[in-house]
Amino acid sequence: MEKREITLNDIEKVLKEKSWWTILVTPLATRLTLLVIRYTRLTPNQITLGSFILSMGAGVAFLFHHWILGALLYQLGYILDIVDGALARVTGQTSPQGALFDLVTDWLKTPLVATALFWGEFTYLVPILILLYLNCGINRYNDSLFYQKKESVTAQLSQKRENLIGRYLAFMKEKNWGIVPGIVEVEALLFFFYPLFHHPIFPILGILLLLFQFLLKLGVVWKKITR
């Protein structure tokens, strides 16, 4: 039987839960994924490496005060970070090694680029790095629950409730959207809007959002370990 050609709809179906910022770039990412499938032999791991290199290029650009170039490089790297997972899932190239490679590069690039961007601006850098690592610790716990096939922290946050919040959660789940702003939105504030506009509101919002994410997840973890 002839192999069915992969379509944009197939790619859209395999995307993970979309963050709020992802919704804006998904059309570009899905089309780029389709181009990679049809006209190249690139593997998901090669795309992941390309995403990491672009992110490091953004960090170098920030160090030398090339703000617009850095913002564009980081966003291109982020788009490739969507492409690698979509490519792996839609073509059946997923693997534990590939997932680990993607995870490690994601954990590395955000604090590295933040350090490059805010070097010398320690009022922003110190709380950003502290909150990033605190959130990383919660996410490690979340990952361990996933691999133990237990209910994750993020799953508990989206449990069904018969009220206004419950209807909101159901709507976001139906649309496959994140229930609250996540790390992607923090990165957009820090690595896109702040370099472009250099207004302190963007790193301040990023710090507040990181704090909100940590406290929200910490509350769920506390309930899990004390019940």
C-alpha atoms as a PDB file:
ATOM      1  CA  MET A   1       0.000   0.000   0.000  1.00  0.00           C
ATOM      2  CA  GLU A   2       1.296   3.451  -0.898  1.00  0.00           C
ATOM      3  CA  LYS A   3       2.532   5.510   2.017  1.00  0.00           C
ATOM      4  CA  ARG A   4       0.263   8.466   2.787  1.00  0.00           C
ATOM      5  CA  GLU A   5       1.850  11.884   2.436  1.00  0.00           C
ATOM      6  CA  ILE A   6       2.207  13.860   5.671  1.00  0.00           C
ATOM      7  CA  THR A   7       0.083  17.002   5.760  1.00  0.00           C
ATOM      8  CA  LEU A   8      -0.028  20.171   7.869  1.00  0.00           C
ATOM      9  CA  ASN A   9      -3.003  18.710   9.726  1.00  0.00           C
ATOM     10  CA  ASP A  10      -0.952  15.641  10.687  1.00  0.00           C
ATOM     11  CA  ILE A  11       1.768  17.897  12.094  1.00  0.00           C
ATOM     12  CA  GLU A  12      -0.732  20.053  13.968  1.00  0.00           C
ATOM     13  CA  LYS A  13      -2.158  16.944  15.671  1.00  0.00           C
ATOM     14  CA  VAL A  14       1.190  15.865  17.133  1.00  0.00           C
ATOM     15  CA  LEU A  15       2.090  19.226  18.662  1.00  0.00           C
ATOM     16  CA  LYS A  16       2.374  19.259  22.431  1.00  0.00           C
ATOM     17  CA  GLU A  17       0.197  21.531  24.544  1.00  0.00           C
ATOM     18  CA  LYS A  18       0.708  24.972  23.068  1.00  0.00           C
ATOM     19  CA  SER A  19       1.874  27.826  25.265  1.00  0.00           C
ATOM     20  CA  TRP A  20       0.347  31.251  24.704  1.00  0.00           C
ATOM     21  CA  TRP A  21       3.370  32.504  22.746  1.00  0.00           C
ATOM     22  CA  THR A  22       3.533  29.265  20.736  1.00  0.00           C
ATOM     23  CA  ILE A  23       0.057  29.929  19.362  1.00  0.00           C
ATOM     24  CA  LEU A  24       1.450  32.916  17.454  1.00  0.00           C
ATOM     25  CA  VAL A  25       4.344  31.023  15.839  1.00  0.00           C
ATOM     26  CA  THR A  26       2.707  27.605  15.323  1.00  0.00           C
ATOM     27  CA  PRO A  27       1.643  28.310  11.688  1.00  0.00           C
ATOM     28  CA  LEU A  28       5.256  29.080  10.783  1.00  0.00           C
ATOM     29  CA  ALA A  29       6.622  26.104  12.740  1.00  0.00           C
ATOM     30  CA  THR A  30       4.222  23.597  11.165  1.00  0.00           C
ATOM     31  CA  ARG A  31       5.015  24.813   7.648  1.00  0.00           C
ATOM     32  CA  LEU A  32       8.734  24.686   8.342  1.00  0.00           C
ATOM     33  CA  THR A  33       8.322  21.125   9.647  1.00  0.00           C
ATOM     34  CA  LEU A  34       6.564  20.163   6.419  1.00  0.00           C
ATOM     35  CA  LEU A  35       9.378  21.691   4.338  1.00  0.00           C
ATOM     36  CA  VAL A  36      11.975  19.768   6.365  1.00  0.00           C
ATOM     37  CA  ILE A  37      10.083  16.508   5.784  1.00  0.00           C
ATOM     38  CA  ARG A  38       9.602  17.030   2.060  1.00  0.00           C
ATOM     39  CA  TYR A  39      12.908  18.553   0.998  1.00  0.00           C
ATOM     40  CA  THR A  40      15.603  17.509   3.513  1.00  0.00           C
ATOM     41  CA  ARG A  41      16.923  14.492   5.379  1.00  0.00           C
ATOM     42  CA  LEU A  42      17.461  16.364   8.619  1.00  0.00           C
ATOM     43  CA  THR A  43      16.837  14.385  11.813  1.00  0.00           C
ATOM     44  CA  PRO A  44      15.091  15.718  14.946  1.00  0.00           C
ATOM     45  CA  ASN A  45      18.397  15.676  16.853  1.00  0.00           C
ATOM     46  CA  GLN A  46      20.034  17.793  14.150  1.00  0.00           C
ATOM     47  CA  ILE A  47      17.171  20.282  14.410  1.00  0.00           C
ATOM     48  CA  THR A  48      17.577  20.324  18.214  1.00  0.00           C
ATOM     49  CA  LEU A  49      21.283  21.057  17.815  1.00  0.00           C
ATOM     50  CA  GLY A  50      20.483  23.845  15.345  1.00  0.00           C
ATOM     51  CA  SER A  51      18.029  25.345  17.829  1.00  0.00           C
ATOM     52  CA  PHE A  52      20.665  25.294  20.576  1.00  0.00           C
ATOM     53  CA  ILE A  53      23.304  26.879  18.312  1.00  0.00           C
ATOM     54  CA  LEU A  54      20.924  29.688  17.344  1.00  0.00           C
ATOM     55  CA  SER A  55      20.131  30.301  21.017  1.00  0.00           C
ATOM     56  CA  MET A  56      23.835  30.489  21.867  1.00  0.00           C
ATOM     57  CA  GLY A  57      24.259  32.862  18.910  1.00  0.00           C
ATOM     58  CA  ALA A  58      21.557  35.031  20.473  1.00  0.00           C
ATOM     59  CA  GLY A  59      23.515  35.054  23.725  1.00  0.00           C
ATOM     60  CA  VAL A  60      26.678  36.176  21.927  1.00  0.00           C
ATOM     61  CA  ALA A  61      24.687  38.898  20.125  1.00  0.00           C
ATOM     62  CA  PHE A  62      23.322  40.137  23.469  1.00  0.00           C
ATOM     63  CA  LEU A  63      26.819  40.231  24.957  1.00  0.00           C
ATOM     64  CA  PHE A  64      27.916  42.589  22.178  1.00  0.00           C
ATOM     65  CA  HIS A  65      24.678  44.653  22.398  1.00  0.00           C
ATOM     66  CA  HIS A  66      23.257  43.520  19.054  1.00  0.00           C
ATOM     67  CA  TRP A  67      19.778  43.511  20.534  1.00  0.00           C
ATOM     68  CA  ILE A  68      17.591  43.017  17.450  1.00  0.00           C
ATOM     69  CA  LEU A  69      19.848  40.298  16.038  1.00  0.00           C
ATOM     70  CA  GLY A  70      19.819  38.479  19.377  1.00  0.00           C
ATOM     71  CA  ALA A  71      16.026  38.670  19.652  1.00  0.00           C
ATOM     72  CA  LEU A  72      15.580  37.306  16.123  1.00  0.00           C
ATOM     73  CA  LEU A  73      18.130  34.506  16.608  1.00  0.00           C
ATOM     74  CA  TYR A  74      16.461  33.396  19.832  1.00  0.00           C
ATOM     75  CA  GLN A  75      13.020  33.314  18.243  1.00  0.00           C
ATOM     76  CA  LEU A  76      14.344  31.334  15.274  1.00  0.00           C
ATOM     77  CA  GLY A  77      15.880  28.898  17.734  1.00  0.00           C
ATOM     78  CA  TYR A  78      12.550  28.650  19.553  1.00  0.00           C
ATOM     79  CA  ILE A  79      10.715  27.874  16.309  1.00  0.00           C
ATOM     80  CA  LEU A  80      13.208  25.084  15.604  1.00  0.00           C
ATOM     81  CA  ASP A  81      12.550  23.813  19.139  1.00  0.00           C
ATOM     82  CA  ILE A  82       8.933  23.289  18.086  1.00  0.00           C
ATOM     83  CA  VAL A  83       9.966  21.730  14.775  1.00  0.00           C
ATOM     84  CA  ASP A  84      12.245  19.070  16.293  1.00  0.00           C
ATOM     85  CA  GLY A  85       9.514  17.550  18.456  1.00  0.00           C
ATOM     86  CA  ALA A  86       6.861  17.763  15.753  1.00  0.00           C
ATOM     87  CA  LEU A  87       9.244  16.164  13.237  1.00  0.00           C
ATOM     88  CA  ALA A  88      10.111  13.339  15.639  1.00  0.00           C
ATOM     89  CA  ARG A  89       6.502  12.507  16.463  1.00  0.00           C
ATOM     90  CA  VAL A  90       4.963  12.813  13.003  1.00  0.00           C
ATOM     91  CA  THR A  91       7.708  10.703  11.364  1.00  0.00           C
ATOM     92  CA  GLY A  92       7.999   8.143  14.180  1.00  0.00           C
ATOM     93  CA  GLN A  93      11.573   9.117  15.097  1.00  0.00           C
ATOM     94  CA  THR A  94      10.995   9.617  18.825  1.00  0.00           C
ATOM     95  CA  SER A  95      13.522   8.072  21.215  1.00  0.00           C
ATOM     96  CA  PRO A  96      14.510   8.392  24.897  1.00  0.00           C
ATOM     97  CA  GLN A  97      17.920   9.681  23.810  1.00  0.00           C
ATOM     98  CA  GLY A  98      16.375  12.353  21.603  1.00  0.00           C
ATOM     99  CA  ALA A  99      13.972  13.417  24.360  1.00  0.00           C
ATOM    100  CA  LEU A 100      16.878  13.691  26.831  1.00  0.00           C
ATOM    101  CA  PHE A 101      18.963  15.696  24.349  1.00  0.00           C
ATOM    102  CA  ASP A 102      16.069  18.104  23.817  1.00  0.00           C
ATOM    103  CA  LEU A 103      15.486  18.386  27.579  1.00  0.00           C
ATOM    104  CA  VAL A 104      19.132  19.093  28.422  1.00  0.00           C
ATOM    105  CA  THR A 105      19.519  21.758  25.724  1.00  0.00           C
ATOM    106  CA  ASP A 106      16.308  23.434  26.908  1.00  0.00           C
ATOM    107  CA  TRP A 107      17.578  23.511  30.501  1.00  0.00           C
ATOM    108  CA  LEU A 108      20.955  24.900  29.452  1.00  0.00           C
ATOM    109  CA  LYS A 109      20.036  27.610  26.983  1.00  0.00           C
ATOM    110  CA  THR A 110      17.636  29.704  29.085  1.00  0.00           C
ATOM    111  CA  PRO A 111      20.007  30.439  32.016  1.00  0.00           C
ATOM    112  CA  LEU A 112      22.963  30.855  29.625  1.00  0.00           C
ATOM    113  CA  VAL A 113      21.164  33.378  27.420  1.00  0.00           C
ATOM    114  CA  ALA A 114      19.760  35.152  30.496  1.00  0.00           C
ATOM    115  CA  THR A 115      23.293  35.495  31.862  1.00  0.00           C
ATOM    116  CA  ALA A 116      24.543  36.894  28.540  1.00  0.00           C
ATOM    117  CA  LEU A 117      21.659  39.363  28.262  1.00  0.00           C
ATOM    118  CA  PHE A 118      21.668  40.631  31.845  1.00  0.00           C
ATOM    119  CA  TRP A 119      25.411  40.485  32.515  1.00  0.00           C
ATOM    120  CA  GLY A 120      26.113  43.527  34.664  1.00  0.00           C
ATOM    121  CA  GLU A 121      22.407  44.010  35.428  1.00  0.00           C
ATOM    122  CA  PHE A 122      22.409  41.840  38.540  1.00  0.00           C
ATOM    123  CA  THR A 123      19.165  43.339  39.830  1.00  0.00           C
ATOM    124  CA  TYR A 124      17.494  41.268  37.114  1.00  0.00           C
ATOM    125  CA  LEU A 125      19.998  38.439  36.660  1.00  0.00           C
ATOM    126  CA  VAL A 126      20.129  37.134  40.230  1.00  0.00           C
ATOM    127  CA  PRO A 127      16.350  36.680  40.810  1.00  0.00           C
ATOM    128  CA  ILE A 128      15.895  35.325  37.268  1.00  0.00           C
ATOM    129  CA  LEU A 129      18.562  32.624  37.747  1.00  0.00           C
ATOM    130  CA  ILE A 130      17.345  31.713  41.243  1.00  0.00           C
ATOM    131  CA  LEU A 131      13.747  31.353  40.063  1.00  0.00           C
ATOM    132  CA  LEU A 132      14.795  29.450  36.935  1.00  0.00           C
ATOM    133  CA  TYR A 133      16.613  26.844  39.033  1.00  0.00           C
ATOM    134  CA  LEU A 134      13.762  26.611  41.546  1.00  0.00           C
ATOM    135  CA  ASN A 135      11.341  25.978  38.689  1.00  0.00           C
ATOM    136  CA  CYS A 136      13.800  23.495  37.224  1.00  0.00           C
ATOM    137  CA  GLY A 137      13.709  21.556  40.507  1.00  0.00           C
ATOM    138  CA  ILE A 138       9.913  21.415  40.460  1.00  0.00           C
ATOM    139  CA  ASN A 139       9.995  20.320  36.822  1.00  0.00           C
ATOM    140  CA  ARG A 140      12.433  17.517  37.666  1.00  0.00           C
ATOM    141  CA  TYR A 141       9.943  16.272  40.263  1.00  0.00           C
ATOM    142  CA  ASN A 142       7.198  16.569  37.657  1.00  0.00           C
ATOM    143  CA  ASP A 143       9.283  14.547  35.164  1.00  0.00           C
ATOM    144  CA  SER A 144       9.876  11.829  37.758  1.00  0.00           C
ATOM    145  CA  LEU A 145       6.110  11.497  38.287  1.00  0.00           C
ATOM    146  CA  PHE A 146       5.608  11.190  34.533  1.00  0.00           C
ATOM    147  CA  TYR A 147       8.166   8.391  34.211  1.00  0.00           C
ATOM    148  CA  GLN A 148       6.637   6.601  37.215  1.00  0.00           C
ATOM    149  CA  LYS A 149       3.268   6.835  35.408  1.00  0.00           C
ATOM    150  CA  LYS A 150       1.808   8.884  38.265  1.00  0.00           C
ATOM    151  CA  GLU A 151      -0.346  11.994  38.041  1.00  0.00           C
ATOM    152  CA  SER A 152       1.954  14.934  37.370  1.00  0.00           C
ATOM    153  CA  VAL A 153       1.872  18.371  38.971  1.00  0.00           C
ATOM    154  CA  THR A 154       0.700  19.935  35.719  1.00  0.00           C
ATOM    155  CA  ALA A 155      -2.036  17.314  35.385  1.00  0.00           C
ATOM    156  CA  GLN A 156      -3.335  18.150  38.849  1.00  0.00           C
ATOM    157  CA  LEU A 157      -3.396  21.835  37.986  1.00  0.00           C
ATOM    158  CA  SER A 158      -5.809  21.076  35.141  1.00  0.00           C
ATOM    159  CA  GLN A 159      -8.196  18.779  37.022  1.00  0.00           C
ATOM    160  CA  LYS A 160     -11.865  19.260  36.196  1.00  0.00           C
ATOM    161  CA  ARG A 161     -13.789  21.660  38.416  1.00  0.00           C
ATOM    162  CA  GLU A 162     -17.491  22.496  38.194  1.00  0.00           C
ATOM    163  CA  ASN A 163     -17.133  26.277  38.331  1.00  0.00           C
ATOM    164  CA  LEU A 164     -15.862  29.192  36.263  1.00  0.00           C
ATOM    165  CA  ILE A 165     -12.267  28.015  36.676  1.00  0.00           C
ATOM    166  CA  GLY A 166     -13.315  24.526  35.636  1.00  0.00           C
ATOM    167  CA  ARG A 167     -14.940  25.836  32.459  1.00  0.00           C
ATOM    168  CA  TYR A 168     -11.812  27.838  31.706  1.00  0.00           C
ATOM    169  CA  LEU A 169      -9.620  24.757  32.211  1.00  0.00           C
ATOM    170  CA  ALA A 170     -11.899  22.648  30.010  1.00  0.00           C
ATOM    171  CA  PHE A 171     -11.791  25.266  27.248  1.00  0.00           C
ATOM    172  CA  MET A 172      -7.978  25.486  27.361  1.00  0.00           C
ATOM    173  CA  LYS A 173      -7.679  21.691  27.322  1.00  0.00           C
ATOM    174  CA  GLU A 174     -10.029  21.463  24.326  1.00  0.00           C
ATOM    175  CA  LYS A 175      -7.876  23.997  22.449  1.00  0.00           C
ATOM    176  CA  ASN A 176      -4.661  22.254  23.581  1.00  0.00           C
ATOM    177  CA  TRP A 177      -3.405  25.508  25.115  1.00  0.00           C
ATOM    178  CA  GLY A 178      -1.442  25.978  28.328  1.00  0.00           C
ATOM    179  CA  ILE A 179      -3.643  26.853  31.296  1.00  0.00           C
ATOM    180  CA  VAL A 180      -1.313  29.634  32.509  1.00  0.00           C
ATOM    181  CA  PRO A 181       1.651  31.478  30.995  1.00  0.00           C
ATOM    182  CA  GLY A 182       4.772  29.308  31.173  1.00  0.00           C
ATOM    183  CA  ILE A 183       8.509  29.451  30.652  1.00  0.00           C
ATOM    184  CA  VAL A 184       8.002  30.202  26.946  1.00  0.00           C
ATOM    185  CA  GLU A 185       6.222  33.431  27.856  1.00  0.00           C
ATOM    186  CA  VAL A 186       9.022  34.294  30.300  1.00  0.00           C
ATOM    187  CA  GLU A 187      11.553  33.789  27.500  1.00  0.00           C
ATOM    188  CA  ALA A 188       9.488  35.953  25.140  1.00  0.00           C
ATOM    189  CA  LEU A 189       9.456  38.772  27.719  1.00  0.00           C
ATOM    190  CA  LEU A 190      13.180  38.486  28.465  1.00  0.00           C
ATOM    191  CA  PHE A 191      14.715  37.546  25.119  1.00  0.00           C
ATOM    192  CA  PHE A 192      12.388  39.196  22.611  1.00  0.00           C
ATOM    193  CA  PHE A 193      10.512  42.169  24.043  1.00  0.00           C
ATOM    194  CA  TYR A 194      13.211  43.394  26.433  1.00  0.00           C
ATOM    195  CA  PRO A 195      16.023  43.466  23.814  1.00  0.00           C
ATOM    196  CA  LEU A 196      13.722  45.248  21.365  1.00  0.00           C
ATOM    197  CA  PHE A 197      12.335  47.889  23.732  1.00  0.00           C
ATOM    198  CA  HIS A 198      14.725  47.934  26.727  1.00  0.00           C
ATOM    199  CA  HIS A 199      11.950  48.776  29.147  1.00  0.00           C
ATOM    200  CA  PRO A 200      12.292  47.410  32.711  1.00  0.00           C
ATOM    201  CA  ILE A 201       8.666  46.270  32.712  1.00  0.00           C
ATOM    202  CA  PHE A 202       9.593  43.191  30.661  1.00  0.00           C
ATOM    203  CA  PRO A 203      12.201  41.645  33.006  1.00  0.00           C
ATOM    204  CA  ILE A 204      10.027  42.606  35.997  1.00  0.00           C
ATOM    205  CA  LEU A 205       7.055  40.791  34.437  1.00  0.00           C
ATOM    206  CA  GLY A 206       9.335  37.845  33.648  1.00  0.00           C
ATOM    207  CA  ILE A 207      10.470  37.639  37.280  1.00  0.00           C
ATOM    208  CA  LEU A 208       6.887  37.873  38.581  1.00  0.00           C
ATOM    209  CA  LEU A 209       5.769  35.188  36.136  1.00  0.00           C
ATOM    210  CA  LEU A 210       8.585  32.859  37.204  1.00  0.00           C
ATOM    211  CA  LEU A 211       7.630  33.428  40.844  1.00  0.00           C
ATOM    212  CA  PHE A 212       3.963  32.739  40.069  1.00  0.00           C
ATOM    213  CA  GLN A 213       4.827  29.477  38.270  1.00  0.00           C
ATOM    214  CA  PHE A 214       7.033  28.301  41.126  1.00  0.00           C
ATOM    215  CA  LEU A 215       4.477  29.065  43.854  1.00  0.00           C
ATOM    216  CA  LEU A 216       1.643  27.494  41.861  1.00  0.00           C
ATOM    217  CA  LYS A 217       3.533  24.235  41.313  1.00  0.00           C
ATOM    218  CA  LEU A 218       4.970  24.253  44.825  1.00  0.00           C
ATOM    219  CA  GLY A 219       1.459  24.411  46.262  1.00  0.00           C
ATOM    220  CA  VAL A 220       0.433  21.312  44.307  1.00  0.00           C
ATOM    221  CA  VAL A 221       3.621  19.448  45.294  1.00  0.00           C
ATOM    222  CA  TRP A 222       3.017  20.313  48.956  1.00  0.00           C
ATOM    223  CA  LYS A 223      -0.480  18.855  48.771  1.00  0.00           C
ATOM    224  CA  LYS A 224       0.839  15.683  47.124  1.00  0.00           C
ATOM    225  CA  ILE A 225       3.513  15.004  49.739  1.00  0.00           C
ATOM    226  CA  THR A 226       1.361  15.882  52.772  1.00  0.00           C
ATOM    227  CA  ARG A 227      -1.886  14.091  51.923  1.00  0.00           C
END
